[in-house]
Amino acid sequence: MRFKSEVIACGVVYAAARRRGIALPEDPPWWTVFDADEAGIQEVCRVLAHLYSLPKSEYIPVYKDNDSFTVRRTPEPQVSKVNT
């Protein structure tokens, strides 16, 4: 695990606040309440920026006709027994 969940949460809050122009308290630093550090938050922001810079993924269908691993099988009809 690269980051603690608290640091990721603080990084996302910080990035969103900066994007919206919202000031966060610095005296005392707001992230200390969440047991996070500023360096970790900055690193999370760099990773987020990198992820958002990547091209969007493309859907690749998994099912292929006549593929032995994904053959669609229809359930066999239930045969009911009649008491005579």
Protein backbone atom coordinates (compact mmCIF):
# COMPACT_ATOMS: atom_id res chain seq x y z
CA MET A 1 0.00 0.00 0.00
CA ARG A 2 1.52 3.29 -1.08
CA PHE A 3 -0.70 5.78 0.79
CA LYS A 4 -2.81 5.58 3.91
CA SER A 5 -6.51 6.12 3.26
CA GLU A 6 -6.43 9.30 5.36
CA VAL A 7 -3.75 10.81 3.14
CA ILE A 8 -5.66 9.91 -0.03
CA ALA A 9 -8.82 11.49 1.38
CA CYS A 10 -6.94 14.66 2.33
CA GLY A 11 -5.28 14.78 -1.10
CA VAL A 12 -8.64 14.60 -2.84
CA VAL A 13 -10.11 17.29 -0.57
CA TYR A 14 -7.08 19.52 -1.16
CA ALA A 15 -7.18 19.03 -4.94
CA ALA A 16 -10.92 19.77 -5.07
CA ALA A 17 -10.54 22.86 -2.89
CA ARG A 18 -7.74 24.22 -5.08
CA ARG A 19 -9.73 23.57 -8.25
CA ARG A 20 -12.76 25.43 -6.82
CA GLY A 21 -10.67 28.21 -5.24
CA ILE A 22 -11.69 27.35 -1.69
CA ALA A 23 -9.22 28.18 1.05
CA LEU A 24 -8.57 25.55 3.70
CA PRO A 25 -7.38 26.43 7.23
CA GLU A 26 -3.61 26.46 7.68
CA ASP A 27 -3.24 27.57 11.30
CA PRO A 28 -3.35 24.89 12.55
CA PRO A 29 -3.02 22.86 9.35
CA TRP A 30 -6.35 21.17 8.59
CA TRP A 31 -4.72 17.88 7.58
CA THR A 32 -3.28 17.23 11.05
CA VAL A 33 -6.80 16.37 12.27
CA PHE A 34 -6.72 13.43 9.84
CA ASP A 35 -3.20 12.32 10.79
CA ALA A 36 -1.87 13.23 7.34
CA ASP A 37 1.22 15.16 6.31
CA GLU A 38 1.62 17.84 3.66
CA ALA A 39 4.23 15.90 1.67
CA GLY A 40 1.90 12.91 1.37
CA ILE A 41 -0.97 15.15 0.28
CA GLN A 42 1.18 16.76 -2.41
CA GLU A 43 2.25 13.33 -3.68
CA VAL A 44 -1.39 12.19 -3.87
CA CYS A 45 -2.18 15.35 -5.86
CA ARG A 46 0.65 14.56 -8.30
CA VAL A 47 -0.64 11.01 -8.77
CA LEU A 48 -4.20 12.29 -9.30
CA ALA A 49 -2.99 14.82 -11.87
CA HIS A 50 -1.11 12.06 -13.69
CA LEU A 51 -4.16 9.76 -13.68
CA TYR A 52 -6.38 12.51 -15.09
CA SER A 53 -3.84 13.20 -17.82
CA LEU A 54 -4.10 9.63 -19.17
CA PRO A 55 -6.42 8.92 -22.09
CA LYS A 56 -9.80 7.44 -21.23
CA SER A 57 -9.95 3.68 -21.28
CA GLU A 58 -11.82 1.87 -24.00
CA TYR A 59 -14.37 -0.88 -23.39
CA ILE A 60 -13.26 -4.24 -24.73
CA PRO A 61 -16.02 -6.85 -24.94
CA VAL A 62 -15.13 -10.05 -23.13
CA TYR A 63 -17.63 -12.38 -24.78
CA LYS A 64 -16.73 -13.76 -28.18
CA ASP A 65 -18.90 -16.12 -30.25
CA ASN A 66 -17.85 -19.77 -30.01
CA ASP A 67 -15.30 -19.08 -27.32
CA SER A 68 -15.01 -22.22 -25.19
CA PHE A 69 -14.64 -20.19 -21.98
CA THR A 70 -17.67 -17.98 -22.51
CA VAL A 71 -20.14 -20.22 -24.32
CA ARG A 72 -23.64 -19.24 -23.37
CA ARG A 73 -25.57 -22.26 -22.27
CA THR A 74 -29.30 -22.41 -22.06
CA PRO A 75 -30.71 -24.22 -19.07
CA GLU A 76 -32.13 -27.62 -19.79
CA PRO A 77 -35.92 -27.79 -19.47
CA GLN A 78 -37.14 -29.21 -16.20
CA VAL A 79 -38.92 -32.53 -16.55
CA SER A 80 -41.66 -32.94 -14.02
CA LYS A 81 -42.53 -36.36 -12.72
CA VAL A 82 -46.19 -37.29 -12.73
CA ASN A 83 -47.36 -39.63 -10.00
CA THR A 84 -49.49 -42.43 -11.47
